[in-house]
Structure formats: structure tokens, C-alpha cells
Amino acid sequence: MHNAPPVDWNRMPWESVREGVDRKLCNGAQATMAMHRVSRTAVTVAHAHPEEQFVYVLDGQLDYAVESTTYALGPGDVLRIPPNVVHRSQTVSEQPAITLDVFVPRREY
């Protein structure tokens, strides 16, 4: 069995996705792990994708809408979003929200 070398998130640079949203990616054969940093001013539009998504909040506060239900999330909270379900988030804390998102199967950005 071959193990890939560890990923050091602290040394990995942030990649700008759009205004107010940055990310770091780690892809495996079966899944994608993405760390997102989302400012309060970032606009996140409602969207859906075929991958199941797990959102783990590391820092900040988010209102996360999944279909017609909105959840107030903070550090330590985990939210599961089923495949093909419409969702969006809005950072509500003054500091950026930082999430660790896992997508299964692997997400192609």
C-alpha cells in the first residue's frame, strides 16, 4: 500500500477563487478536501453539485441555507449537504469564516 506524503496546510498558499473567497485544495483518488476562507462581503450564490459535501467550521460564523432551511454555524459545527441539493452560505462574523469541506466523490474544480 502506498501512502502519499502529508499536506502542510500552513505552508500551502491561499488561492483566490473570487472576491472575498480563498481556498486550499487537497485531492485524493476518491475525495477532495478544500479549506475555504470566506469574508463577510463575499457573495455566495445558491448552487448544487453532484458531490456530497461535508462542511466543518473551523473559525467564524456562517448562515448556511440548504434548500429552504438556514442553519447558524460556528466553530466545531459540521453540516452534511446531500448531492444535487441547492445550498449557499453567508459569513455573518466580522472575521472571515474558515471551513474545511470534504467532497465525495472527488470534485473537479
PDB file of N, CA and C in Angstrom:
ATOM      1  N   MET A   1       0.842  -1.180   0.000  1.00  0.00           N
ATOM      2  CA  MET A   1       0.000   0.000   0.000  1.00  0.00           C
ATOM      3  C   MET A   1       0.888   1.244   0.000  1.00  0.00           C
ATOM      4  N   HIS A   2       0.583   2.184  -0.867  1.00  0.00           N
ATOM      5  CA  HIS A   2       1.381   3.406  -0.975  1.00  0.00           C
ATOM      6  C   HIS A   2       0.632   4.570  -0.334  1.00  0.00           C
ATOM      7  N   ASN A   3       1.293   5.274   0.545  1.00  0.00           N
ATOM      8  CA  ASN A   3       0.724   6.471   1.165  1.00  0.00           C
ATOM      9  C   ASN A   3       1.342   7.706   0.539  1.00  0.00           C
ATOM     10  N   ALA A   4       0.522   8.694   0.278  1.00  0.00           N
ATOM     11  CA  ALA A   4       1.013   9.962  -0.252  1.00  0.00           C
ATOM     12  C   ALA A   4       1.661  10.741   0.884  1.00  0.00           C
ATOM     13  N   PRO A   5       2.580  11.656   0.571  1.00  0.00           N
ATOM     14  CA  PRO A   5       3.197  12.467   1.632  1.00  0.00           C
ATOM     15  C   PRO A   5       2.159  13.368   2.280  1.00  0.00           C
ATOM     16  N   PRO A   6       2.380  13.764   3.531  1.00  0.00           N
ATOM     17  CA  PRO A   6       1.425  14.643   4.209  1.00  0.00           C
ATOM     18  C   PRO A   6       1.354  16.009   3.536  1.00  0.00           C
ATOM     19  N   VAL A   7       0.203  16.652   3.716  1.00  0.00           N
ATOM     20  CA  VAL A   7      -0.016  18.002   3.198  1.00  0.00           C
ATOM     21  C   VAL A   7       0.085  18.961   4.378  1.00  0.00           C
ATOM     22  N   ASP A   8       0.885  19.999   4.237  1.00  0.00           N
ATOM     23  CA  ASP A   8       1.030  21.016   5.277  1.00  0.00           C
ATOM     24  C   ASP A   8       0.197  22.230   4.887  1.00  0.00           C
ATOM     25  N   TRP A   9      -1.023  22.322   5.442  1.00  0.00           N
ATOM     26  CA  TRP A   9      -1.912  23.434   5.123  1.00  0.00           C
ATOM     27  C   TRP A   9      -1.258  24.777   5.440  1.00  0.00           C
ATOM     28  N   ASN A  10      -0.421  24.820   6.480  1.00  0.00           N
ATOM     29  CA  ASN A  10       0.198  26.078   6.894  1.00  0.00           C
ATOM     30  C   ASN A  10       1.165  26.616   5.858  1.00  0.00           C
ATOM     31  N   ARG A  11       1.774  25.749   5.073  1.00  0.00           N
ATOM     32  CA  ARG A  11       2.720  26.198   4.039  1.00  0.00           C
ATOM     33  C   ARG A  11       2.068  26.383   2.678  1.00  0.00           C
ATOM     34  N   MET A  12       0.877  25.838   2.514  1.00  0.00           N
ATOM     35  CA  MET A  12       0.175  25.941   1.234  1.00  0.00           C
ATOM     36  C   MET A  12      -0.401  27.349   1.085  1.00  0.00           C
ATOM     37  N   PRO A  13      -0.150  28.005  -0.045  1.00  0.00           N
ATOM     38  CA  PRO A  13      -0.691  29.356  -0.229  1.00  0.00           C
ATOM     39  C   PRO A  13      -2.197  29.315  -0.503  1.00  0.00           C
ATOM     40  N   TRP A  14      -2.884  30.385  -0.122  1.00  0.00           N
ATOM     41  CA  TRP A  14      -4.297  30.535  -0.451  1.00  0.00           C
ATOM     42  C   TRP A  14      -4.422  30.878  -1.927  1.00  0.00           C
ATOM     43  N   GLU A  15      -5.393  30.276  -2.592  1.00  0.00           N
ATOM     44  CA  GLU A  15      -5.699  30.565  -3.993  1.00  0.00           C
ATOM     45  C   GLU A  15      -6.975  31.402  -4.011  1.00  0.00           C
ATOM     46  N   SER A  16      -6.954  32.530  -4.712  1.00  0.00           N
ATOM     47  CA  SER A  16      -8.145  33.372  -4.806  1.00  0.00           C
ATOM     48  C   SER A  16      -9.140  32.739  -5.769  1.00  0.00           C
ATOM     49  N   VAL A  17     -10.366  32.545  -5.288  1.00  0.00           N
ATOM     50  CA  VAL A  17     -11.425  31.968  -6.112  1.00  0.00           C
ATOM     51  C   VAL A  17     -12.227  33.087  -6.761  1.00  0.00           C
ATOM     52  N   ARG A  18     -12.595  34.081  -5.954  1.00  0.00           N
ATOM     53  CA  ARG A  18     -13.290  35.289  -6.392  1.00  0.00           C
ATOM     54  C   ARG A  18     -13.177  36.285  -5.247  1.00  0.00           C
ATOM     55  N   GLU A  19     -13.716  37.462  -5.426  1.00  0.00           N
ATOM     56  CA  GLU A  19     -13.622  38.498  -4.403  1.00  0.00           C
ATOM     57  C   GLU A  19     -14.133  37.981  -3.062  1.00  0.00           C
ATOM     58  N   GLY A  20     -13.259  37.971  -2.058  1.00  0.00           N
ATOM     59  CA  GLY A  20     -13.638  37.571  -0.716  1.00  0.00           C
ATOM     60  C   GLY A  20     -13.615  36.082  -0.424  1.00  0.00           C
ATOM     61  N   VAL A  21     -13.225  35.271  -1.404  1.00  0.00           N
ATOM     62  CA  VAL A  21     -13.191  33.816  -1.209  1.00  0.00           C
ATOM     63  C   VAL A  21     -11.832  33.266  -1.646  1.00  0.00           C
ATOM     64  N   ASP A  22     -11.167  32.583  -0.718  1.00  0.00           N
ATOM     65  CA  ASP A  22      -9.884  31.932  -0.995  1.00  0.00           C
ATOM     66  C   ASP A  22     -10.005  30.462  -0.613  1.00  0.00           C
ATOM     67  N   ARG A  23      -9.135  29.621  -1.210  1.00  0.00           N
ATOM     68  CA  ARG A  23      -9.176  28.201  -0.856  1.00  0.00           C
ATOM     69  C   ARG A  23      -7.805  27.559  -0.998  1.00  0.00           C
ATOM     70  N   LYS A  24      -7.697  26.395  -0.331  1.00  0.00           N
ATOM     71  CA  LYS A  24      -6.570  25.478  -0.449  1.00  0.00           C
ATOM     72  C   LYS A  24      -7.176  24.112  -0.745  1.00  0.00           C
ATOM     73  N   LEU A  25      -6.568  23.353  -1.661  1.00  0.00           N
ATOM     74  CA  LEU A  25      -7.127  22.072  -2.085  1.00  0.00           C
ATOM     75  C   LEU A  25      -6.196  20.909  -1.821  1.00  0.00           C
ATOM     76  N   CYS A  26      -6.788  19.775  -1.532  1.00  0.00           N
ATOM     77  CA  CYS A  26      -6.067  18.517  -1.411  1.00  0.00           C
ATOM     78  C   CYS A  26      -6.950  17.442  -2.051  1.00  0.00           C
ATOM     79  N   ASN A  27      -6.497  16.889  -3.166  1.00  0.00           N
ATOM     80  CA  ASN A  27      -7.261  15.874  -3.879  1.00  0.00           C
ATOM     81  C   ASN A  27      -6.705  14.491  -3.632  1.00  0.00           C
ATOM     82  N   GLY A  28      -7.613  13.545  -3.438  1.00  0.00           N
ATOM     83  CA  GLY A  28      -7.261  12.136  -3.367  1.00  0.00           C
ATOM     84  C   GLY A  28      -7.882  11.426  -4.548  1.00  0.00           C
ATOM     85  N   ALA A  29      -7.772  10.129  -4.569  1.00  0.00           N
ATOM     86  CA  ALA A  29      -8.358   9.353  -5.658  1.00  0.00           C
ATOM     87  C   ALA A  29      -9.881   9.370  -5.592  1.00  0.00           C
ATOM     88  N   GLN A  30     -10.441   9.427  -4.381  1.00  0.00           N
ATOM     89  CA  GLN A  30     -11.884   9.303  -4.203  1.00  0.00           C
ATOM     90  C   GLN A  30     -12.575  10.547  -3.641  1.00  0.00           C
ATOM     91  N   ALA A  31     -11.815  11.481  -3.082  1.00  0.00           N
ATOM     92  CA  ALA A  31     -12.422  12.625  -2.400  1.00  0.00           C
ATOM     93  C   ALA A  31     -11.558  13.873  -2.570  1.00  0.00           C
ATOM     94  N   THR A  32     -12.186  15.024  -2.325  1.00  0.00           N
ATOM     95  CA  THR A  32     -11.497  16.318  -2.313  1.00  0.00           C
ATOM     96  C   THR A  32     -11.712  16.957  -0.954  1.00  0.00           C
ATOM     97  N   MET A  33     -10.638  17.514  -0.397  1.00  0.00           N
ATOM     98  CA  MET A  33     -10.726  18.299   0.826  1.00  0.00           C
ATOM     99  C   MET A  33     -10.313  19.723   0.459  1.00  0.00           C
ATOM    100  N   ALA A  34     -11.150  20.682   0.809  1.00  0.00           N
ATOM    101  CA  ALA A  34     -10.873  22.084   0.478  1.00  0.00           C
ATOM    102  C   ALA A  34     -11.058  22.937   1.722  1.00  0.00           C
ATOM    103  N   MET A  35     -10.070  23.770   2.004  1.00  0.00           N
ATOM    104  CA  MET A  35     -10.201  24.744   3.077  1.00  0.00           C
ATOM    105  C   MET A  35     -10.610  26.060   2.414  1.00  0.00           C
ATOM    106  N   HIS A  36     -11.701  26.656   2.891  1.00  0.00           N
ATOM    107  CA  HIS A  36     -12.192  27.912   2.340  1.00  0.00           C
ATOM    108  C   HIS A  36     -12.122  29.017   3.393  1.00  0.00           C
ATOM    109  N   ARG A  37     -11.746  30.194   2.943  1.00  0.00           N
ATOM    110  CA  ARG A  37     -11.752  31.399   3.775  1.00  0.00           C
ATOM    111  C   ARG A  37     -12.694  32.381   3.083  1.00  0.00           C
ATOM    112  N   VAL A  38     -13.796  32.704   3.757  1.00  0.00           N
ATOM    113  CA  VAL A  38     -14.861  33.489   3.127  1.00  0.00           C
ATOM    114  C   VAL A  38     -15.149  34.730   3.965  1.00  0.00           C
ATOM    115  N   SER A  39     -14.967  35.896   3.360  1.00  0.00           N
ATOM    116  CA  SER A  39     -15.193  37.155   4.072  1.00  0.00           C
ATOM    117  C   SER A  39     -16.690  37.452   4.186  1.00  0.00           C
ATOM    118  N   ARG A  40     -16.993  38.378   5.044  1.00  0.00           N
ATOM    119  CA  ARG A  40     -18.396  38.786   5.247  1.00  0.00           C
ATOM    120  C   ARG A  40     -18.980  39.411   3.985  1.00  0.00           C
ATOM    121  N   THR A  41     -18.142  40.029   3.159  1.00  0.00           N
ATOM    122  CA  THR A  41     -18.618  40.718   1.954  1.00  0.00           C
ATOM    123  C   THR A  41     -18.711  39.809   0.732  1.00  0.00           C
ATOM    124  N   ALA A  42     -18.252  38.577   0.850  1.00  0.00           N
ATOM    125  CA  ALA A  42     -18.285  37.660  -0.292  1.00  0.00           C
ATOM    126  C   ALA A  42     -19.722  37.301  -0.650  1.00  0.00           C
ATOM    127  N   VAL A  43     -19.979  37.173  -1.934  1.00  0.00           N
ATOM    128  CA  VAL A  43     -21.293  36.764  -2.416  1.00  0.00           C
ATOM    129  C   VAL A  43     -21.218  35.300  -2.822  1.00  0.00           C
ATOM    130  N   THR A  44     -21.980  34.474  -2.132  1.00  0.00           N
ATOM    131  CA  THR A  44     -22.038  33.054  -2.473  1.00  0.00           C
ATOM    132  C   THR A  44     -23.429  32.770  -3.020  1.00  0.00           C
ATOM    133  N   VAL A  45     -23.506  32.446  -4.283  1.00  0.00           N
ATOM    134  CA  VAL A  45     -24.799  32.214  -4.925  1.00  0.00           C
ATOM    135  C   VAL A  45     -25.281  30.792  -4.651  1.00  0.00           C
ATOM    136  N   ALA A  46     -26.577  30.627  -4.668  1.00  0.00           N
ATOM    137  CA  ALA A  46     -27.160  29.297  -4.496  1.00  0.00           C
ATOM    138  C   ALA A  46     -26.694  28.406  -5.648  1.00  0.00           C
ATOM    139  N   HIS A  47     -26.288  27.197  -5.300  1.00  0.00           N
ATOM    140  CA  HIS A  47     -25.789  26.268  -6.308  1.00  0.00           C
ATOM    141  C   HIS A  47     -25.975  24.836  -5.809  1.00  0.00           C
ATOM    142  N   ALA A  48     -25.771  23.888  -6.689  1.00  0.00           N
ATOM    143  CA  ALA A  48     -25.804  22.470  -6.350  1.00  0.00           C
ATOM    144  C   ALA A  48     -24.721  21.781  -7.160  1.00  0.00           C
ATOM    145  N   HIS A  49     -24.265  20.635  -6.688  1.00  0.00           N
ATOM    146  CA  HIS A  49     -23.263  19.852  -7.397  1.00  0.00           C
ATOM    147  C   HIS A  49     -23.502  18.381  -7.095  1.00  0.00           C
ATOM    148  N   PRO A  50     -22.985  17.495  -7.939  1.00  0.00           N
ATOM    149  CA  PRO A  50     -23.262  16.062  -7.770  1.00  0.00           C
ATOM    150  C   PRO A  50     -22.536  15.415  -6.598  1.00  0.00           C
ATOM    151  N   GLU A  51     -21.566  16.102  -6.006  1.00  0.00           N
ATOM    152  CA  GLU A  51     -20.816  15.533  -4.888  1.00  0.00           C
ATOM    153  C   GLU A  51     -21.543  15.767  -3.569  1.00  0.00           C
ATOM    154  N   GLU A  52     -21.478  14.794  -2.666  1.00  0.00           N
ATOM    155  CA  GLU A  52     -21.898  15.005  -1.288  1.00  0.00           C
ATOM    156  C   GLU A  52     -20.854  15.916  -0.652  1.00  0.00           C
ATOM    157  N   GLN A  53     -21.274  16.826   0.228  1.00  0.00           N
ATOM    158  CA  GLN A  53     -20.347  17.779   0.843  1.00  0.00           C
ATOM    159  C   GLN A  53     -20.527  17.774   2.352  1.00  0.00           C
ATOM    160  N   PHE A  54     -19.391  17.758   3.054  1.00  0.00           N
ATOM    161  CA  PHE A  54     -19.385  17.934   4.499  1.00  0.00           C
ATOM    162  C   PHE A  54     -18.671  19.252   4.779  1.00  0.00           C
ATOM    163  N   VAL A  55     -19.301  20.132   5.539  1.00  0.00           N
ATOM    164  CA  VAL A  55     -18.739  21.437   5.894  1.00  0.00           C
ATOM    165  C   VAL A  55     -18.404  21.402   7.378  1.00  0.00           C
ATOM    166  N   TYR A  56     -17.128  21.571   7.706  1.00  0.00           N
ATOM    167  CA  TYR A  56     -16.673  21.637   9.097  1.00  0.00           C
ATOM    168  C   TYR A  56     -16.178  23.053   9.338  1.00  0.00           C
ATOM    169  N   VAL A  57     -16.797  23.768  10.260  1.00  0.00           N
ATOM    170  CA  VAL A  57     -16.441  25.166  10.523  1.00  0.00           C
ATOM    171  C   VAL A  57     -15.280  25.218  11.514  1.00  0.00           C
ATOM    172  N   LEU A  58     -14.184  25.838  11.079  1.00  0.00           N
ATOM    173  CA  LEU A  58     -13.003  25.999  11.924  1.00  0.00           C
ATOM    174  C   LEU A  58     -13.005  27.331  12.668  1.00  0.00           C
ATOM    175  N   ASP A  59     -13.502  28.393  12.002  1.00  0.00           N
ATOM    176  CA  ASP A  59     -13.482  29.728  12.602  1.00  0.00           C
ATOM    177  C   ASP A  59     -14.586  30.569  11.977  1.00  0.00           C
ATOM    178  N   GLY A  60     -15.062  31.553  12.711  1.00  0.00           N
ATOM    179  CA  GLY A  60     -16.089  32.453  12.199  1.00  0.00           C
ATOM    180  C   GLY A  60     -17.494  31.885  12.354  1.00  0.00           C
ATOM    181  N   GLN A  61     -18.450  32.635  11.839  1.00  0.00           N
ATOM    182  CA  GLN A  61     -19.866  32.263  11.909  1.00  0.00           C
ATOM    183  C   GLN A  61     -20.472  32.369  10.516  1.00  0.00           C
ATOM    184  N   LEU A  62     -21.300  31.392  10.174  1.00  0.00           N
ATOM    185  CA  LEU A  62     -21.955  31.360   8.862  1.00  0.00           C
ATOM    186  C   LEU A  62     -23.441  31.095   9.030  1.00  0.00           C
ATOM    187  N   ASP A  63     -24.235  31.687   8.155  1.00  0.00           N
ATOM    188  CA  ASP A  63     -25.607  31.241   7.952  1.00  0.00           C
ATOM    189  C   ASP A  63     -25.560  30.392   6.687  1.00  0.00           C
ATOM    190  N   TYR A  64     -25.923  29.124   6.814  1.00  0.00           N
ATOM    191  CA  TYR A  64     -25.817  28.187   5.702  1.00  0.00           C
ATOM    192  C   TYR A  64     -27.209  27.713   5.335  1.00  0.00           C
ATOM    193  N   ALA A  65     -27.671  28.085   4.154  1.00  0.00           N
ATOM    194  CA  ALA A  65     -29.004  27.703   3.689  1.00  0.00           C
ATOM    195  C   ALA A  65     -28.903  26.445   2.838  1.00  0.00           C
ATOM    196  N   VAL A  66     -29.682  25.438   3.216  1.00  0.00           N
ATOM    197  CA  VAL A  66     -29.771  24.197   2.455  1.00  0.00           C
ATOM    198  C   VAL A  66     -31.242  24.054   2.086  1.00  0.00           C
ATOM    199  N   GLU A  67     -31.510  24.178   0.789  1.00  0.00           N
ATOM    200  CA  GLU A  67     -32.875  24.286   0.293  1.00  0.00           C
ATOM    201  C   GLU A  67     -33.583  25.403   1.053  1.00  0.00           C
ATOM    202  N   SER A  68     -34.656  25.145   1.788  1.00  0.00           N
ATOM    203  CA  SER A  68     -35.407  26.223   2.442  1.00  0.00           C
ATOM    204  C   SER A  68     -35.084  26.381   3.929  1.00  0.00           C
ATOM    205  N   THR A  69     -34.079  25.651   4.424  1.00  0.00           N
ATOM    206  CA  THR A  69     -33.719  25.721   5.839  1.00  0.00           C
ATOM    207  C   THR A  69     -32.356  26.395   6.001  1.00  0.00           C
ATOM    208  N   THR A  70     -32.264  27.355   6.935  1.00  0.00           N
ATOM    209  CA  THR A  70     -31.000  28.031   7.199  1.00  0.00           C
ATOM    210  C   THR A  70     -30.482  27.618   8.573  1.00  0.00           C
ATOM    211  N   TYR A  71     -29.197  27.281   8.624  1.00  0.00           N
ATOM    212  CA  TYR A  71     -28.535  26.857   9.859  1.00  0.00           C
ATOM    213  C   TYR A  71     -27.502  27.898  10.258  1.00  0.00           C
ATOM    214  N   ALA A  72     -27.455  28.257  11.537  1.00  0.00           N
ATOM    215  CA  ALA A  72     -26.413  29.135  12.078  1.00  0.00           C
ATOM    216  C   ALA A  72     -25.272  28.238  12.526  1.00  0.00           C
ATOM    217  N   LEU A  73     -24.113  28.378  11.876  1.00  0.00           N
ATOM    218  CA  LEU A  73     -22.971  27.511  12.156  1.00  0.00           C
ATOM    219  C   LEU A  73     -21.813  28.290  12.735  1.00  0.00           C
ATOM    220  N   GLY A  74     -21.098  27.664  13.661  1.00  0.00           N
ATOM    221  CA  GLY A  74     -19.910  28.246  14.259  1.00  0.00           C
ATOM    222  C   GLY A  74     -18.849  27.184  14.423  1.00  0.00           C
ATOM    223  N   PRO A  75     -17.704  27.552  14.996  1.00  0.00           N
ATOM    224  CA  PRO A  75     -16.591  26.623  15.147  1.00  0.00           C
ATOM    225  C   PRO A  75     -17.014  25.301  15.791  1.00  0.00           C
ATOM    226  N   GLY A  76     -16.613  24.210  15.151  1.00  0.00           N
ATOM    227  CA  GLY A  76     -16.919  22.873  15.635  1.00  0.00           C
ATOM    228  C   GLY A  76     -18.154  22.262  15.007  1.00  0.00           C
ATOM    229  N   ASP A  77     -18.977  23.074  14.337  1.00  0.00           N
ATOM    230  CA  ASP A  77     -20.175  22.537  13.694  1.00  0.00           C
ATOM    231  C   ASP A  77     -19.826  21.850  12.381  1.00  0.00           C
ATOM    232  N   VAL A  78     -20.564  20.780  12.083  1.00  0.00           N
ATOM    233  CA  VAL A  78     -20.426  20.049  10.823  1.00  0.00           C
ATOM    234  C   VAL A  78     -21.801  19.976  10.178  1.00  0.00           C
ATOM    235  N   LEU A  79     -21.851  20.282   8.898  1.00  0.00           N
ATOM    236  CA  LEU A  79     -23.092  20.216   8.136  1.00  0.00           C
ATOM    237  C   LEU A  79     -22.884  19.287   6.950  1.00  0.00           C
ATOM    238  N   ARG A  80     -23.807  18.355   6.735  1.00  0.00           N
ATOM    239  CA  ARG A  80     -23.764  17.451   5.585  1.00  0.00           C
ATOM    240  C   ARG A  80     -24.757  17.941   4.550  1.00  0.00           C
ATOM    241  N   ILE A  81     -24.284  18.093   3.310  1.00  0.00           N
ATOM    242  CA  ILE A  81     -25.132  18.518   2.204  1.00  0.00           C
ATOM    243  C   ILE A  81     -25.199  17.370   1.208  1.00  0.00           C
ATOM    244  N   PRO A  82     -26.387  16.803   1.009  1.00  0.00           N
ATOM    245  CA  PRO A  82     -26.509  15.688   0.065  1.00  0.00           C
ATOM    246  C   PRO A  82     -26.200  16.123  -1.365  1.00  0.00           C
ATOM    247  N   PRO A  83     -25.910  15.178  -2.234  1.00  0.00           N
ATOM    248  CA  PRO A  83     -25.660  15.503  -3.640  1.00  0.00           C
ATOM    249  C   PRO A  83     -26.871  16.192  -4.277  1.00  0.00           C
ATOM    250  N   ASN A  84     -26.595  17.121  -5.177  1.00  0.00           N
ATOM    251  CA  ASN A  84     -27.610  17.786  -6.006  1.00  0.00           C
ATOM    252  C   ASN A  84     -28.640  18.598  -5.220  1.00  0.00           C
ATOM    253  N   VAL A  85     -28.292  19.030  -4.014  1.00  0.00           N
ATOM    254  CA  VAL A  85     -29.190  19.849  -3.197  1.00  0.00           C
ATOM    255  C   VAL A  85     -28.706  21.299  -3.244  1.00  0.00           C
ATOM    256  N   VAL A  86     -29.618  22.220  -3.489  1.00  0.00           N
ATOM    257  CA  VAL A  86     -29.275  23.639  -3.594  1.00  0.00           C
ATOM    258  C   VAL A  86     -28.900  24.184  -2.218  1.00  0.00           C
ATOM    259  N   HIS A  87     -27.774  24.923  -2.177  1.00  0.00           N
ATOM    260  CA  HIS A  87     -27.290  25.489  -0.922  1.00  0.00           C
ATOM    261  C   HIS A  87     -26.487  26.757  -1.180  1.00  0.00           C
ATOM    262  N   ARG A  88     -26.316  27.549  -0.119  1.00  0.00           N
ATOM    263  CA  ARG A  88     -25.496  28.761  -0.176  1.00  0.00           C
ATOM    264  C   ARG A  88     -25.134  29.137   1.244  1.00  0.00           C
ATOM    265  N   SER A  89     -24.088  29.963   1.385  1.00  0.00           N
ATOM    266  CA  SER A  89     -23.699  30.405   2.718  1.00  0.00           C
ATOM    267  C   SER A  89     -23.421  31.898   2.716  1.00  0.00           C
ATOM    268  N   GLN A  90     -23.484  32.472   3.919  1.00  0.00           N
ATOM    269  CA  GLN A  90     -23.148  33.881   4.120  1.00  0.00           C
ATOM    270  C   GLN A  90     -22.393  33.992   5.436  1.00  0.00           C
ATOM    271  N   THR A  91     -21.191  34.542   5.382  1.00  0.00           N
ATOM    272  CA  THR A  91     -20.437  34.786   6.609  1.00  0.00           C
ATOM    273  C   THR A  91     -21.117  35.919   7.363  1.00  0.00           C
ATOM    274  N   VAL A  92     -21.373  35.692   8.655  1.00  0.00           N
ATOM    275  CA  VAL A  92     -22.048  36.712   9.463  1.00  0.00           C
ATOM    276  C   VAL A  92     -21.137  37.268  10.556  1.00  0.00           C
ATOM    277  N   SER A  93     -19.953  36.689  10.740  1.00  0.00           N
ATOM    278  CA  SER A  93     -18.994  37.215  11.708  1.00  0.00           C
ATOM    279  C   SER A  93     -18.151  38.297  11.046  1.00  0.00           C
ATOM    280  N   GLU A  94     -17.570  39.172  11.876  1.00  0.00           N
ATOM    281  CA  GLU A  94     -16.704  40.223  11.339  1.00  0.00           C
ATOM    282  C   GLU A  94     -15.463  39.626  10.682  1.00  0.00           C
ATOM    283  N   GLN A  95     -14.890  38.588  11.300  1.00  0.00           N
ATOM    284  CA  GLN A  95     -13.726  37.940  10.708  1.00  0.00           C
ATOM    285  C   GLN A  95     -14.185  36.923   9.656  1.00  0.00           C
ATOM    286  N   PRO A  96     -13.339  36.584   8.701  1.00  0.00           N
ATOM    287  CA  PRO A  96     -13.721  35.586   7.702  1.00  0.00           C
ATOM    288  C   PRO A  96     -14.065  34.248   8.365  1.00  0.00           C
ATOM    289  N   ALA A  97     -14.971  33.543   7.740  1.00  0.00           N
ATOM    290  CA  ALA A  97     -15.271  32.175   8.163  1.00  0.00           C
ATOM    291  C   ALA A  97     -14.268  31.256   7.474  1.00  0.00           C
ATOM    292  N   ILE A  98     -13.779  30.279   8.207  1.00  0.00           N
ATOM    293  CA  ILE A  98     -12.876  29.283   7.626  1.00  0.00           C
ATOM    294  C   ILE A  98     -13.527  27.924   7.795  1.00  0.00           C
ATOM    295  N   THR A  99     -13.705  27.239   6.666  1.00  0.00           N
ATOM    296  CA  THR A  99     -14.317  25.918   6.693  1.00  0.00           C
ATOM    297  C   THR A  99     -13.389  24.898   6.048  1.00  0.00           C
ATOM    298  N   LEU A 100     -13.535  23.677   6.492  1.00  0.00           N
ATOM    299  CA  LEU A 100     -12.863  22.552   5.856  1.00  0.00           C
ATOM    300  C   LEU A 100     -13.972  21.721   5.239  1.00  0.00           C
ATOM    301  N   ASP A 101     -13.984  21.657   3.916  1.00  0.00           N
ATOM    302  CA  ASP A 101     -15.048  20.976   3.188  1.00  0.00           C
ATOM    303  C   ASP A 101     -14.508  19.692   2.564  1.00  0.00           C
ATOM    304  N   VAL A 102     -15.285  18.634   2.690  1.00  0.00           N
ATOM    305  CA  VAL A 102     -14.930  17.360   2.080  1.00  0.00           C
ATOM    306  C   VAL A 102     -16.005  17.025   1.059  1.00  0.00           C
ATOM    307  N   PHE A 103     -15.575  16.701  -0.160  1.00  0.00           N
ATOM    308  CA  PHE A 103     -16.472  16.354  -1.253  1.00  0.00           C
ATOM    309  C   PHE A 103     -16.215  14.914  -1.667  1.00  0.00           C
ATOM    310  N   VAL A 104     -17.310  14.139  -1.785  1.00  0.00           N
ATOM    311  CA  VAL A 104     -17.217  12.743  -2.216  1.00  0.00           C
ATOM    312  C   VAL A 104     -18.296  12.516  -3.260  1.00  0.00           C
ATOM    313  N   PRO A 105     -17.948  11.997  -4.451  1.00  0.00           N
ATOM    314  CA  PRO A 105     -16.595  11.688  -4.890  1.00  0.00           C
ATOM    315  C   PRO A 105     -15.778  12.954  -5.127  1.00  0.00           C
ATOM    316  N   ARG A 106     -14.542  12.742  -5.528  1.00  0.00           N
ATOM    317  CA  ARG A 106     -13.613  13.843  -5.779  1.00  0.00           C
ATOM    318  C   ARG A 106     -14.268  14.905  -6.649  1.00  0.00           C
ATOM    319  N   ARG A 107     -14.102  16.154  -6.256  1.00  0.00           N
ATOM    320  CA  ARG A 107     -14.673  17.276  -7.011  1.00  0.00           C
ATOM    321  C   ARG A 107     -13.641  17.839  -7.955  1.00  0.00           C
ATOM    322  N   GLU A 108     -14.050  18.041  -9.183  1.00  0.00           N
ATOM    323  CA  GLU A 108     -13.163  18.649 -10.175  1.00  0.00           C
ATOM    324  C   GLU A 108     -13.479  20.132 -10.270  1.00  0.00           C
ATOM    325  N   TYR A 109     -12.558  20.940  -9.771  1.00  0.00           N
ATOM    326  CA  TYR A 109     -12.730  22.407  -9.840  1.00  0.00           C
ATOM    327  C   TYR A 109     -12.227  22.912 -11.159  1.00  0.00           C
TER     328      TYR A 109
END
